[in-house]
Amino acid sequence: MTRDEIISELQRLEPWFHCIDLGDGLFTKTKSAIGEPVDHPRPTWEIIKTALPADLSGKSLLDVGCNAGFYSIKAKERGAARVLGIDAQRELIRQAIFVRNLKGLDIDYQRMSVYDLDPRELGQFDVTLALGLIYHCKHLVLALEKLFLITRELLVLETAIYPPEKTPESFVYAEGGTRPTLHPIAYVENLPDAKEAVFNWFLPSTAALMALLKNIGFDEVSVLPGVQTDRAVMVCRKETPYPDSRGISFLGSKLTLLSGPSDCRAGDILTFRVRAENSGYARWLRGSEQGTERGDVHLVAHLLGKDDEPISLYHAGAFLPHDIDPGDSIEIEIGLRAPNEPGNYVLAFDMVSEHLAWFEDLGSVIATHPLVVS
């Protein structure tokens, strides 16, 4: 493209929020869009870059809320093997693609919301950037969970926060025999004359955001120094790509009965085969031989009577042969004794994480099977 053609395209794609150097003395913008510094986000990058490896060779990086792609370009300049930038706004993706093509960079951009992130479709990324994002998220906890799941090693999160000079102190609150700590989060009233196309929703205090990120599953969360007082940068690290079944946040299963009798005599010993798919995002732990530790996962058969009234919860159980990763399936054999009383029954097969929850109570699909006992 000629210089005049580039300038014409820059004007057509206005307004620009990211100031990106296009070479030959051209930049994507020369004036502020909504009051931000003209060179935004370069000052933020000077802070963010200290949390990233200087060499990203061989690493994959996801830029969530990529805008015109400033940070995606910086990641590629540091040698990242795979860079994906996503944004929910069509105009911003058009800007990013224009800059990418002009600079001849191997960066993928997709129009996508943070709520659409799924590691089973996109894979996990070694590094995730969520910069200037979460205060735009109407569903804050869901957005943070999505960021957790898509990240393999490191999440760098930059956000506006509850103004420190106005922030109430966190405090311990005794309720129902527990003593949880309450952290302040501000709700932002969206006025009709709001300047930004995407509303702001929540401003967490630094303490609230750290607690949220740790509760969601990050092993280490720290606050990067040197940020202006009304914003914060969180550096969040994971020891393993996925959590395990000792927490309930990401448990899920889909059970399919493969074989087993539909009728029998009272007291017969019956054998069933069930395919169990780990449809969640937590690794199922087989656990100890006793299978009684918190988070040990088993297949369980409940015995139900008329109108699905429970007759015997945990009527029978079966161990996993080994730990099961998210997305994997296993066939499990489970044996049980038929009721001593003749009648019509239902067997309900479910998974359980010991001392935590039945998977059905978390929304998982169980398998049911009618059983006629004569």
Protein backbone atom coordinates (compact mmCIF):
# COMPACT_ATOMS: atom_id res chain seq x y z
CA MET A 1 0.00 0.00 0.00
CA THR A 2 1.13 3.54 -0.63
CA ARG A 3 1.47 6.01 2.20
CA ASP A 4 -1.67 7.81 1.08
CA GLU A 5 -3.61 4.53 0.93
CA ILE A 6 -2.50 3.66 4.46
CA ILE A 7 -3.57 7.06 5.78
CA SER A 8 -6.93 6.71 4.05
CA GLU A 9 -7.50 3.29 5.62
CA LEU A 10 -6.49 4.54 9.06
CA GLN A 11 -9.08 7.29 8.75
CA ARG A 12 -11.73 4.84 7.58
CA LEU A 13 -11.14 2.58 10.58
CA GLU A 14 -11.26 5.38 13.20
CA PRO A 15 -11.48 5.77 16.14
CA TRP A 16 -8.27 4.07 17.26
CA PHE A 17 -7.54 3.32 20.91
CA HIS A 18 -4.16 1.60 20.43
CA CYS A 19 -1.26 3.68 19.14
CA ILE A 20 0.81 1.33 16.96
CA ASP A 21 3.95 2.28 15.04
CA LEU A 22 3.44 1.39 11.38
CA GLY A 23 6.84 2.63 10.22
CA ASP A 24 7.70 5.47 7.87
CA GLY A 25 6.56 7.94 10.53
CA LEU A 26 2.98 6.63 10.55
CA PHE A 27 1.01 5.65 13.65
CA THR A 28 -2.49 4.30 13.96
CA LYS A 29 -3.57 7.40 15.88
CA THR A 30 -2.38 10.90 16.63
CA LYS A 31 -5.08 12.01 19.07
CA SER A 32 -6.86 10.64 22.13
CA ALA A 33 -10.11 8.72 21.60
CA ILE A 34 -11.75 8.93 25.05
CA GLY A 35 -9.21 10.78 27.15
CA GLU A 36 -6.44 8.17 27.24
CA PRO A 37 -2.81 9.23 26.51
CA VAL A 38 -2.11 9.57 22.80
CA ASP A 39 0.60 6.90 23.03
CA HIS A 40 -1.65 4.42 24.87
CA PRO A 41 -0.99 1.59 25.64
CA ARG A 42 2.79 2.06 25.55
CA PRO A 43 3.04 3.26 29.20
CA THR A 44 1.07 0.20 30.33
CA TRP A 45 3.31 -2.06 28.24
CA GLU A 46 6.39 -0.75 30.06
CA ILE A 47 4.91 -2.29 33.21
CA ILE A 48 3.35 -5.40 31.68
CA LYS A 49 6.51 -6.48 29.89
CA THR A 50 8.32 -6.97 33.20
CA ALA A 51 5.94 -9.84 34.02
CA LEU A 52 6.65 -11.65 30.74
CA PRO A 53 9.67 -13.68 29.64
CA ALA A 54 11.96 -11.58 27.46
CA ASP A 55 12.09 -14.54 25.07
CA LEU A 56 8.74 -16.17 24.23
CA SER A 57 10.22 -18.57 21.68
CA GLY A 58 8.18 -21.76 21.49
CA LYS A 59 5.41 -20.29 23.66
CA SER A 60 1.78 -19.70 22.78
CA LEU A 61 0.08 -16.47 23.86
CA LEU A 62 -3.57 -15.45 23.97
CA ASP A 63 -4.48 -11.75 24.01
CA VAL A 64 -8.05 -11.44 25.35
CA GLY A 65 -9.72 -8.15 24.49
CA CYS A 66 -6.93 -7.50 22.00
CA ASN A 67 -8.32 -4.22 20.63
CA ALA A 68 -6.15 -3.21 17.65
CA GLY A 69 -3.46 -5.74 18.57
CA PHE A 70 -0.68 -3.72 20.27
CA TYR A 71 0.10 -6.46 22.82
CA SER A 72 -0.25 -9.28 20.28
CA ILE A 73 2.40 -7.56 18.16
CA LYS A 74 4.69 -7.17 21.16
CA ALA A 75 4.33 -10.89 21.91
CA LYS A 76 5.26 -11.77 18.33
CA GLU A 77 8.27 -9.45 18.51
CA ARG A 78 9.40 -11.46 21.57
CA GLY A 79 9.32 -14.63 19.50
CA ALA A 80 6.01 -16.24 20.50
CA ALA A 81 5.33 -19.22 18.27
CA ARG A 82 1.56 -18.86 18.30
CA VAL A 83 -0.36 -15.66 19.01
CA LEU A 84 -4.14 -15.41 19.03
CA GLY A 85 -5.94 -12.15 19.71
CA ILE A 86 -9.66 -12.12 20.40
CA ASP A 87 -12.13 -9.29 20.83
CA ALA A 88 -15.93 -9.16 20.86
CA GLN A 89 -16.10 -5.97 18.80
CA ARG A 90 -16.05 -6.35 15.03
CA GLU A 91 -14.46 -2.93 14.39
CA LEU A 92 -11.50 -3.70 16.63
CA ILE A 93 -10.79 -7.01 14.92
CA ARG A 94 -10.86 -5.19 11.57
CA GLN A 95 -8.28 -2.73 12.91
CA ALA A 96 -6.09 -5.57 14.21
CA ILE A 97 -6.20 -7.46 10.91
CA PHE A 98 -5.32 -4.31 8.96
CA VAL A 99 -2.26 -3.66 11.13
CA ARG A 100 -1.21 -7.34 11.05
CA ASN A 101 -1.39 -7.49 7.25
CA LEU A 102 0.44 -4.19 6.87
CA LYS A 103 3.28 -5.39 9.13
CA GLY A 104 3.30 -8.92 7.66
CA LEU A 105 3.01 -10.71 11.01
CA ASP A 106 1.83 -14.26 11.69
CA ILE A 107 -0.91 -13.44 14.19
CA ASP A 108 -4.40 -14.94 14.27
CA TYR A 109 -7.35 -12.74 15.21
CA GLN A 110 -10.87 -13.94 15.91
CA ARG A 111 -14.02 -12.15 16.92
CA MET A 112 -14.86 -13.89 20.17
CA SER A 113 -15.96 -13.10 23.71
CA VAL A 114 -14.07 -14.11 26.84
CA TYR A 115 -17.13 -16.23 27.68
CA ASP A 116 -16.55 -18.28 24.50
CA LEU A 117 -13.09 -19.45 25.52
CA ASP A 118 -12.87 -23.25 25.64
CA PRO A 119 -9.53 -25.11 25.83
CA ARG A 120 -11.12 -28.10 24.09
CA GLU A 121 -11.60 -25.96 20.99
CA LEU A 122 -8.65 -23.57 21.13
CA GLY A 123 -6.18 -25.53 23.23
CA GLN A 124 -4.50 -23.98 26.25
CA PHE A 125 -2.05 -21.09 25.99
CA ASP A 126 1.22 -20.86 27.88
CA VAL A 127 0.58 -17.17 28.51
CA THR A 128 -2.70 -15.26 28.60
CA LEU A 129 -3.06 -11.49 28.64
CA ALA A 130 -6.27 -9.93 29.96
CA LEU A 131 -5.47 -6.23 29.93
CA GLY A 132 -8.15 -3.62 30.50
CA LEU A 133 -10.76 -6.37 30.28
CA ILE A 134 -12.53 -7.55 33.41
CA TYR A 135 -14.28 -4.33 34.39
CA HIS A 136 -16.14 -4.75 31.09
CA CYS A 137 -17.31 -8.23 32.17
CA LYS A 138 -20.94 -8.43 33.27
CA HIS A 139 -20.29 -11.97 34.51
CA LEU A 140 -17.08 -11.41 36.42
CA VAL A 141 -16.52 -14.83 38.03
CA LEU A 142 -17.38 -16.69 34.81
CA ALA A 143 -14.90 -14.54 32.89
CA LEU A 144 -12.14 -15.27 35.43
CA GLU A 145 -12.92 -19.01 35.28
CA LYS A 146 -12.64 -18.92 31.49
CA LEU A 147 -9.28 -17.16 31.75
CA PHE A 148 -8.11 -19.76 34.28
CA LEU A 149 -9.06 -22.72 32.09
CA ILE A 150 -7.53 -21.36 28.89
CA THR A 151 -4.20 -20.61 30.63
CA ARG A 152 -1.53 -23.29 30.95
CA GLU A 153 1.11 -21.39 32.93
CA LEU A 154 0.79 -17.61 33.31
CA LEU A 155 -2.02 -15.06 33.29
CA VAL A 156 -1.22 -11.35 33.37
CA LEU A 157 -4.30 -9.33 34.25
CA GLU A 158 -4.49 -5.52 34.26
CA THR A 159 -7.61 -3.75 35.43
CA ALA A 160 -9.17 -0.68 36.96
CA ILE A 161 -9.84 -1.27 40.65
CA TYR A 162 -11.95 0.11 43.47
CA PRO A 163 -10.39 3.57 44.11
CA PRO A 164 -7.96 2.85 46.97
CA GLU A 165 -8.76 6.05 48.87
CA LYS A 166 -12.44 5.03 48.92
CA THR A 167 -12.01 1.28 49.49
CA PRO A 168 -13.48 -0.13 52.73
CA GLU A 169 -11.22 -2.54 54.57
CA SER A 170 -11.72 -6.27 54.23
CA PHE A 171 -12.98 -7.91 57.41
CA VAL A 172 -13.72 -11.33 58.89
CA TYR A 173 -17.42 -12.04 59.25
CA ALA A 174 -18.68 -14.88 61.45
CA GLU A 175 -21.64 -16.62 59.79
CA GLY A 176 -23.03 -20.12 60.25
CA GLY A 177 -20.04 -21.45 62.13
CA THR A 178 -17.53 -20.18 59.56
CA ARG A 179 -15.37 -17.08 59.53
CA PRO A 180 -15.04 -15.95 55.91
CA THR A 181 -13.29 -12.74 54.94
CA LEU A 182 -15.46 -10.22 53.09
CA HIS A 183 -13.76 -8.11 50.42
CA PRO A 184 -15.27 -4.98 48.80
CA ILE A 185 -16.29 -4.95 45.13
CA ALA A 186 -17.94 -1.87 43.63
CA TYR A 187 -20.79 -2.01 41.13
CA VAL A 188 -20.52 0.69 38.47
CA GLU A 189 -23.78 2.43 37.63
CA ASN A 190 -23.93 2.72 33.84
CA LEU A 191 -25.21 6.17 32.91
CA PRO A 192 -26.91 6.89 29.56
CA ASP A 193 -24.05 9.14 28.39
CA ALA A 194 -21.29 6.57 29.03
CA LYS A 195 -18.40 7.23 26.64
CA GLU A 196 -17.28 3.68 26.03
CA ALA A 197 -19.19 1.33 23.75
CA VAL A 198 -18.83 -1.45 26.30
CA PHE A 199 -20.22 -0.72 29.76
CA ASN A 200 -18.17 -1.03 32.91
CA TRP A 201 -19.65 -3.30 35.58
CA PHE A 202 -17.46 -4.13 38.59
CA LEU A 203 -14.38 -2.64 40.22
CA PRO A 204 -12.89 -5.09 42.73
CA SER A 205 -10.50 -4.05 45.43
CA THR A 206 -7.01 -5.50 45.06
CA ALA A 207 -7.70 -7.87 47.97
CA ALA A 208 -11.00 -9.00 46.42
CA LEU A 209 -9.39 -9.70 43.05
CA MET A 210 -6.53 -11.66 44.64
CA ALA A 211 -9.04 -13.75 46.62
CA LEU A 212 -11.13 -14.39 43.49
CA LEU A 213 -8.14 -15.53 41.46
CA LYS A 214 -6.90 -17.84 44.20
CA ASN A 215 -10.36 -19.32 44.82
CA ILE A 216 -10.77 -20.00 41.11
CA GLY A 217 -7.58 -22.04 41.21
CA PHE A 218 -4.41 -20.08 40.53
CA ASP A 219 -1.59 -21.37 42.72
CA GLU A 220 0.24 -18.06 43.02
CA VAL A 221 -1.14 -14.52 42.65
CA SER A 222 0.97 -11.40 43.11
CA VAL A 223 0.49 -7.69 42.47
CA LEU A 224 2.98 -6.03 40.17
CA PRO A 225 4.45 -2.83 41.66
CA GLY A 226 4.73 0.48 39.85
CA VAL A 227 1.11 0.85 38.67
CA GLN A 228 -1.00 3.98 39.11
CA THR A 229 -3.20 3.85 42.19
CA ASP A 230 -6.55 3.29 40.46
CA ARG A 231 -5.34 0.28 38.46
CA ALA A 232 -3.60 -2.99 39.28
CA VAL A 233 -1.64 -5.68 37.47
CA MET A 234 -2.01 -9.25 38.74
CA VAL A 235 0.52 -11.94 37.85
CA CYS A 236 -1.16 -15.35 38.22
CA ARG A 237 0.65 -18.69 37.93
CA LYS A 238 -0.49 -22.32 37.66
CA GLU A 239 1.50 -25.37 38.71
CA THR A 240 -0.55 -27.75 36.53
CA PRO A 241 -2.64 -27.06 33.41
CA TYR A 242 -5.87 -28.32 35.02
CA PRO A 243 -7.07 -28.53 38.63
CA ASP A 244 -8.03 -31.87 40.17
CA SER A 245 -11.13 -33.29 41.81
CA ARG A 246 -10.30 -31.97 45.28
CA GLY A 247 -12.30 -28.85 44.32
CA ILE A 248 -15.82 -28.73 42.90
CA SER A 249 -15.57 -25.77 40.51
CA PHE A 250 -14.80 -27.69 37.32
CA LEU A 251 -16.18 -31.20 37.94
CA GLY A 252 -18.35 -32.73 35.24
CA SER A 253 -19.25 -36.14 33.84
CA LYS A 254 -21.40 -37.81 31.22
CA LEU A 255 -22.34 -41.43 31.91
CA THR A 256 -23.59 -44.01 29.41
CA LEU A 257 -24.75 -47.51 30.41
CA LEU A 258 -23.13 -50.05 28.07
CA SER A 259 -24.46 -53.32 29.43
CA GLY A 260 -26.34 -54.87 32.34
CA PRO A 261 -29.56 -56.82 33.03
CA SER A 262 -33.00 -55.27 33.18
CA ASP A 263 -34.55 -58.09 35.24
CA CYS A 264 -33.27 -60.51 37.85
CA ARG A 265 -34.17 -62.49 40.96
CA ALA A 266 -34.11 -61.01 44.44
CA GLY A 267 -30.62 -61.01 45.90
CA ASP A 268 -28.83 -61.78 42.61
CA ILE A 269 -25.33 -60.40 42.05
CA LEU A 270 -25.45 -58.17 38.97
CA THR A 271 -22.73 -56.65 36.81
CA PHE A 272 -22.99 -53.45 34.77
CA ARG A 273 -20.57 -51.66 32.49
CA VAL A 274 -20.65 -47.88 32.32
CA ARG A 275 -18.73 -45.47 30.12
CA ALA A 276 -17.73 -42.41 32.13
CA GLU A 277 -16.61 -39.32 30.21
CA ASN A 278 -14.81 -36.56 32.08
CA SER A 279 -16.81 -33.69 30.60
CA GLY A 280 -15.50 -31.14 33.11
CA TYR A 281 -12.14 -29.43 33.38
CA ALA A 282 -10.76 -31.07 36.51
CA ARG A 283 -8.64 -34.23 36.56
CA TRP A 284 -10.39 -37.09 38.38
CA LEU A 285 -8.18 -38.58 41.07
CA ARG A 286 -8.37 -42.32 41.60
CA GLY A 287 -7.06 -41.78 45.10
CA SER A 288 -6.03 -44.33 47.68
CA GLU A 289 -6.98 -48.00 47.84
CA GLN A 290 -9.51 -47.14 50.52
CA GLY A 291 -10.92 -44.38 48.33
CA THR A 292 -11.99 -42.28 51.26
CA GLU A 293 -9.78 -39.21 50.87
CA ARG A 294 -11.24 -35.85 49.92
CA GLY A 295 -11.50 -35.63 46.14
CA ASP A 296 -11.25 -39.38 45.38
CA VAL A 297 -13.64 -40.04 42.47
CA HIS A 298 -15.81 -43.16 42.20
CA LEU A 299 -18.64 -44.51 40.10
CA VAL A 300 -21.68 -45.06 42.33
CA ALA A 301 -25.03 -46.78 41.85
CA HIS A 302 -28.07 -45.45 43.72
CA LEU A 303 -31.12 -47.68 44.15
CA LEU A 304 -34.40 -45.83 43.64
CA GLY A 305 -37.98 -46.96 44.15
CA LYS A 306 -41.37 -45.58 43.18
CA ASP A 307 -41.30 -41.95 41.99
CA ASP A 308 -37.49 -42.10 42.16
CA GLU A 309 -37.55 -42.18 45.96
CA PRO A 310 -34.07 -43.15 47.20
CA ILE A 311 -33.97 -46.59 48.79
CA SER A 312 -30.21 -46.96 49.03
CA LEU A 313 -27.84 -44.15 48.17
CA TYR A 314 -24.35 -45.41 47.40
CA HIS A 315 -25.87 -48.91 46.91
CA ALA A 316 -22.61 -49.92 45.22
CA GLY A 317 -19.38 -48.29 44.13
CA ALA A 318 -16.44 -48.90 41.82
CA PHE A 319 -12.91 -47.48 41.72
CA LEU A 320 -11.34 -45.77 38.74
CA PRO A 321 -8.47 -47.75 37.20
CA HIS A 322 -6.33 -44.57 37.16
CA ASP A 323 -6.61 -40.78 37.13
CA ILE A 324 -8.79 -39.45 34.29
CA ASP A 325 -7.89 -36.24 32.48
CA PRO A 326 -10.52 -33.78 31.19
CA GLY A 327 -11.97 -34.97 27.89
CA ASP A 328 -10.98 -38.61 28.43
CA SER A 329 -13.38 -41.53 28.85
CA ILE A 330 -13.14 -44.83 30.69
CA GLU A 331 -15.23 -47.99 30.89
CA ILE A 332 -15.93 -49.09 34.45
CA GLU A 333 -17.40 -52.37 35.68
CA ILE A 334 -19.59 -52.14 38.77
CA GLY A 335 -21.13 -55.04 40.65
CA LEU A 336 -24.11 -54.86 42.99
CA ARG A 337 -26.65 -57.02 44.77
CA ALA A 338 -30.28 -56.87 43.67
CA PRO A 339 -32.85 -55.90 46.34
CA ASN A 340 -34.26 -58.72 48.47
CA GLU A 341 -37.81 -57.52 47.86
CA PRO A 342 -39.41 -58.10 44.43
CA GLY A 343 -40.61 -55.01 42.62
CA ASN A 344 -39.80 -52.33 40.06
CA TYR A 345 -36.67 -50.30 40.74
CA VAL A 346 -34.39 -47.78 39.04
CA LEU A 347 -30.61 -47.78 39.18
CA ALA A 348 -29.07 -44.30 38.94
CA PHE A 349 -25.37 -44.26 38.11
CA ASP A 350 -23.50 -41.13 39.21
CA MET A 351 -19.94 -40.03 39.96
CA VAL A 352 -18.92 -38.74 43.37
CA SER A 353 -15.95 -36.73 44.58
CA GLU A 354 -15.56 -37.96 48.14
CA HIS A 355 -16.50 -35.46 50.86
CA LEU A 356 -17.38 -32.87 48.18
CA ALA A 357 -20.34 -33.55 45.91
CA TRP A 358 -22.37 -35.87 43.73
CA PHE A 359 -21.69 -34.88 40.13
CA GLU A 360 -25.44 -34.80 39.38
CA ASP A 361 -25.83 -32.01 41.94
CA LEU A 362 -23.30 -30.02 39.91
CA GLY A 363 -25.33 -30.40 36.72
CA SER A 364 -23.77 -33.54 35.22
CA VAL A 365 -25.58 -36.14 33.10
CA ILE A 366 -26.17 -39.42 34.93
CA ALA A 367 -27.35 -42.79 33.58
CA THR A 368 -30.55 -44.45 34.78
CA HIS A 369 -31.70 -48.01 34.19
CA PRO A 370 -34.96 -49.78 35.12
CA LEU A 371 -34.61 -53.03 37.06
CA VAL A 372 -37.45 -55.54 37.59
CA VAL A 373 -36.80 -57.87 40.53
CA SER A 374 -38.84 -61.10 40.74
